[in-house]
Amino acid sequence: MINYYEELPQEEQRKVTGVIGQLYRQTFLLERRYDRKTKRYQINKDYYECGKHLEFIRAYFAIMDIEVAENSQMGVIYIRGEQVMGEKLPRLATLYILVLKLLYDEQMSTVSTSVNAMTTLGEIHEKLGSYRLLPKQPSATEIRRCLALLKRYQLIEPMDILEETDGSSRLVIYPTVNVVLMGDDVRALIETYTEGDEEYDESGI
């Protein structure tokens, strides 16, 4: 493994090191990401760089007992395992992920040519309300923090500026949400939240 890395040109070594760091920090690498400036999906060079050296990167993470998985159909490379310790999500972020997964599945059942879906904040809050999961409207600050967190982990991409948190604010739902939660997981978590009328708490779940 060490020989493989040392035999790479210095510039290629730098790229591989960068990809490993990015994958460890963000959990996911997407093949295509939405660019708000061009309003188009752009190729993510790091995804292909990772794919080019995938066996080496898998061996590298295996030392830490972390698996590197690839779903070429969805265009996602990601890490998983007990050693992948994500930060504790606030309750609002968890609820958003649940709804994003539901919306993603609904749209994918009718679209066969895309792996990305779109929604709005209004649609998310409407869905939360229909499941009685959002007793009161969160503040604009809470919403911005939540969206920034989900963007960092590449679950969503705001199509409008992040400061705008009205109902018409548009979001791309990345296929990574399909890796985070399976359909059965969503239903089980929703049942957990709806079993009692617990009061909304920004501090966490």
Protein backbone atom coordinates (compact mmCIF):
# COMPACT_ATOMS: atom_id res chain seq x y z
CA MET A 1 0.00 0.00 0.00
CA ILE A 2 2.78 2.41 0.91
CA ASN A 3 4.63 1.55 -2.31
CA TYR A 4 1.54 2.40 -4.36
CA TYR A 5 1.34 5.86 -2.83
CA GLU A 6 5.07 6.58 -3.04
CA GLU A 7 5.17 5.64 -6.70
CA LEU A 8 2.55 8.25 -7.56
CA PRO A 9 3.72 11.65 -8.91
CA GLN A 10 3.86 14.30 -6.21
CA GLU A 11 0.84 16.18 -7.59
CA GLU A 12 -1.17 12.96 -7.64
CA GLN A 13 -0.14 12.25 -4.04
CA ARG A 14 -1.45 15.67 -3.06
CA LYS A 15 -4.79 14.96 -4.75
CA VAL A 16 -5.16 11.56 -3.09
CA THR A 17 -4.36 13.02 0.32
CA GLY A 18 -6.95 15.75 -0.24
CA VAL A 19 -9.63 13.27 -1.30
CA ILE A 20 -9.00 11.07 1.75
CA GLY A 21 -9.31 14.06 4.07
CA GLN A 22 -12.47 15.25 2.37
CA LEU A 23 -14.10 11.82 2.51
CA TYR A 24 -13.26 11.46 6.20
CA ARG A 25 -14.66 14.91 7.06
CA GLN A 26 -17.79 14.80 4.92
CA THR A 27 -18.60 11.05 4.85
CA PHE A 28 -19.78 11.35 1.22
CA LEU A 29 -18.34 12.25 -2.17
CA LEU A 30 -20.89 13.06 -4.89
CA GLU A 31 -20.33 12.57 -8.60
CA ARG A 32 -22.31 15.71 -9.42
CA ARG A 33 -23.13 18.74 -7.32
CA TYR A 34 -25.45 21.65 -7.99
CA ASP A 35 -23.72 24.97 -8.60
CA ARG A 36 -25.89 27.95 -7.68
CA LYS A 37 -23.93 30.38 -9.85
CA THR A 38 -24.35 28.46 -13.08
CA LYS A 39 -27.66 26.85 -12.00
CA ARG A 40 -26.38 23.55 -13.32
CA TYR A 41 -25.01 20.29 -11.99
CA GLN A 42 -21.23 20.20 -12.18
CA ILE A 43 -18.88 17.21 -12.27
CA ASN A 44 -17.06 16.71 -8.97
CA LYS A 45 -13.44 15.96 -9.87
CA ASP A 46 -12.75 14.61 -6.39
CA TYR A 47 -15.29 11.82 -6.95
CA TYR A 48 -13.39 10.60 -9.99
CA GLU A 49 -10.04 11.05 -8.27
CA CYS A 50 -11.29 8.85 -5.47
CA GLY A 51 -12.63 6.28 -7.93
CA LYS A 52 -9.28 6.16 -9.72
CA HIS A 53 -7.48 5.19 -6.51
CA LEU A 54 -10.39 3.41 -4.83
CA GLU A 55 -8.60 0.19 -3.94
CA PHE A 56 -5.75 2.10 -2.26
CA ILE A 57 -8.21 4.36 -0.40
CA ARG A 58 -10.20 1.32 0.72
CA ALA A 59 -7.03 -0.28 2.07
CA TYR A 60 -6.11 2.98 3.83
CA PHE A 61 -9.46 3.27 5.63
CA ALA A 62 -9.53 -0.47 6.39
CA ILE A 63 -6.66 0.12 8.83
CA MET A 64 -9.15 2.16 10.90
CA ASP A 65 -11.85 -0.49 10.39
CA ILE A 66 -13.79 1.85 8.09
CA GLU A 67 -15.40 0.58 4.91
CA VAL A 68 -15.40 2.65 1.73
CA ALA A 69 -18.53 1.88 -0.31
CA GLU A 70 -19.46 2.97 -3.80
CA ASN A 71 -22.89 3.28 -5.38
CA SER A 72 -22.21 4.12 -9.00
CA GLN A 73 -25.92 4.20 -9.83
CA MET A 74 -26.50 7.05 -7.40
CA GLY A 75 -23.05 8.55 -7.99
CA VAL A 76 -21.92 8.37 -4.36
CA ILE A 77 -18.75 7.14 -2.65
CA TYR A 78 -19.03 7.05 1.13
CA ILE A 79 -17.52 5.65 4.31
CA ARG A 80 -19.31 3.62 6.95
CA GLY A 81 -18.52 1.69 10.11
CA GLU A 82 -18.51 2.04 13.87
CA GLN A 83 -15.45 4.27 13.67
CA VAL A 84 -17.32 6.83 11.56
CA MET A 85 -18.55 9.05 14.35
CA GLY A 86 -20.75 11.85 13.08
CA GLU A 87 -21.72 14.78 15.25
CA LYS A 88 -24.92 14.63 17.26
CA LEU A 89 -27.66 16.13 15.13
CA PRO A 90 -30.13 18.60 16.60
CA ARG A 91 -33.74 17.45 16.57
CA LEU A 92 -34.71 19.79 13.73
CA ALA A 93 -31.95 18.43 11.47
CA THR A 94 -33.07 14.86 12.19
CA LEU A 95 -36.66 15.74 11.31
CA TYR A 96 -35.54 17.44 8.11
CA ILE A 97 -33.60 14.32 7.08
CA LEU A 98 -36.68 12.15 7.68
CA VAL A 99 -38.81 14.35 5.47
CA LEU A 100 -36.10 14.74 2.82
CA LYS A 101 -35.94 10.95 2.55
CA LEU A 102 -39.73 10.72 2.15
CA LEU A 103 -39.73 13.44 -0.51
CA TYR A 104 -36.77 11.85 -2.29
CA ASP A 105 -38.51 8.47 -2.46
CA GLU A 106 -41.73 10.05 -3.72
CA GLN A 107 -39.95 11.86 -6.54
CA MET A 108 -37.74 8.93 -7.50
CA SER A 109 -40.82 6.73 -7.89
CA THR A 110 -41.95 8.96 -10.76
CA VAL A 111 -38.59 9.99 -12.30
CA SER A 112 -36.24 7.48 -13.89
CA THR A 113 -33.62 9.74 -15.48
CA SER A 114 -32.25 11.56 -12.43
CA VAL A 115 -30.83 10.68 -9.02
CA ASN A 116 -31.42 14.15 -7.57
CA ALA A 117 -34.69 15.59 -6.32
CA MET A 118 -35.84 19.09 -5.40
CA THR A 119 -38.09 20.55 -2.74
CA THR A 120 -38.83 23.77 -0.85
CA LEU A 121 -38.75 24.69 2.81
CA GLY A 122 -42.50 25.14 2.64
CA GLU A 123 -42.96 21.58 1.40
CA ILE A 124 -40.69 20.24 4.16
CA HIS A 125 -42.60 22.08 6.88
CA GLU A 126 -45.94 21.05 5.38
CA LYS A 127 -44.87 17.40 5.48
CA LEU A 128 -43.64 17.78 9.07
CA GLY A 129 -46.99 19.31 9.98
CA SER A 130 -48.92 16.46 8.38
CA TYR A 131 -47.06 14.02 10.66
CA ARG A 132 -47.44 16.37 13.65
CA LEU A 133 -43.68 16.44 14.06
CA LEU A 134 -43.28 20.21 14.26
CA PRO A 135 -45.36 21.63 17.13
CA LYS A 136 -44.14 25.17 16.48
CA GLN A 137 -42.34 27.02 13.72
CA PRO A 138 -38.55 27.05 14.27
CA SER A 139 -36.75 30.37 14.21
CA ALA A 140 -34.93 31.60 11.10
CA THR A 141 -31.62 31.11 12.95
CA GLU A 142 -32.44 27.46 13.73
CA ILE A 143 -33.42 26.82 10.12
CA ARG A 144 -30.23 28.39 8.74
CA ARG A 145 -28.07 26.34 11.13
CA CYS A 146 -29.90 23.18 10.16
CA LEU A 147 -29.56 23.82 6.42
CA ALA A 148 -25.87 24.69 6.79
CA LEU A 149 -25.28 21.39 8.62
CA LEU A 150 -27.11 19.33 6.00
CA LYS A 151 -25.26 21.16 3.24
CA ARG A 152 -21.90 20.41 4.90
CA TYR A 153 -22.69 16.69 4.87
CA GLN A 154 -23.86 16.96 1.24
CA LEU A 155 -27.43 15.90 1.92
CA ILE A 156 -28.84 19.06 0.35
CA GLU A 157 -27.77 22.04 -1.73
CA PRO A 158 -29.68 25.32 -1.32
CA MET A 159 -30.62 26.67 -4.74
CA ASP A 160 -31.16 30.14 -3.26
CA ILE A 161 -28.98 32.07 -0.81
CA LEU A 162 -28.85 30.40 2.58
CA GLU A 163 -29.99 33.54 4.38
CA GLU A 164 -33.43 33.24 2.79
CA THR A 165 -35.57 30.90 4.88
CA ASP A 166 -39.08 31.55 3.58
CA GLY A 167 -41.32 28.78 2.31
CA SER A 168 -40.32 29.28 -1.32
CA SER A 169 -36.60 28.63 -0.66
CA ARG A 170 -35.59 25.77 -2.98
CA LEU A 171 -33.33 22.84 -2.10
CA VAL A 172 -31.69 20.06 -4.08
CA ILE A 173 -31.99 16.71 -2.30
CA TYR A 174 -28.87 14.68 -2.99
CA PRO A 175 -28.99 10.87 -3.28
CA THR A 176 -26.86 10.68 -0.13
CA VAL A 177 -30.11 10.88 1.86
CA ASN A 178 -30.91 7.45 0.42
CA VAL A 179 -27.70 6.10 1.95
CA VAL A 180 -28.30 7.68 5.36
CA LEU A 181 -31.81 6.26 5.76
CA MET A 182 -33.69 3.33 4.31
CA GLY A 183 -37.45 3.46 3.92
CA ASP A 184 -38.12 1.19 6.90
CA ASP A 185 -35.85 3.34 9.09
CA VAL A 186 -37.87 6.42 8.21
CA ARG A 187 -41.18 4.82 9.12
CA ALA A 188 -39.80 3.53 12.42
CA LEU A 189 -38.38 6.92 13.38
CA ILE A 190 -41.59 8.73 12.48
CA GLU A 191 -43.54 6.34 14.69
CA THR A 192 -41.09 7.04 17.50
CA TYR A 193 -41.61 10.78 17.20
CA THR A 194 -45.39 10.57 16.90
CA GLU A 195 -45.90 8.23 19.85
CA GLY A 196 -45.93 11.20 22.19
CA ASP A 197 -46.51 14.92 21.80
CA GLU A 198 -43.02 15.82 22.96
CA GLU A 199 -42.26 19.52 22.95
CA TYR A 200 -39.87 20.85 20.33
CA ASP A 201 -36.38 21.21 21.78
CA GLU A 202 -33.60 22.89 19.81
CA SER A 203 -30.87 21.34 21.98
CA GLY A 204 -31.01 17.91 20.42
CA ILE A 205 -32.79 14.56 20.30
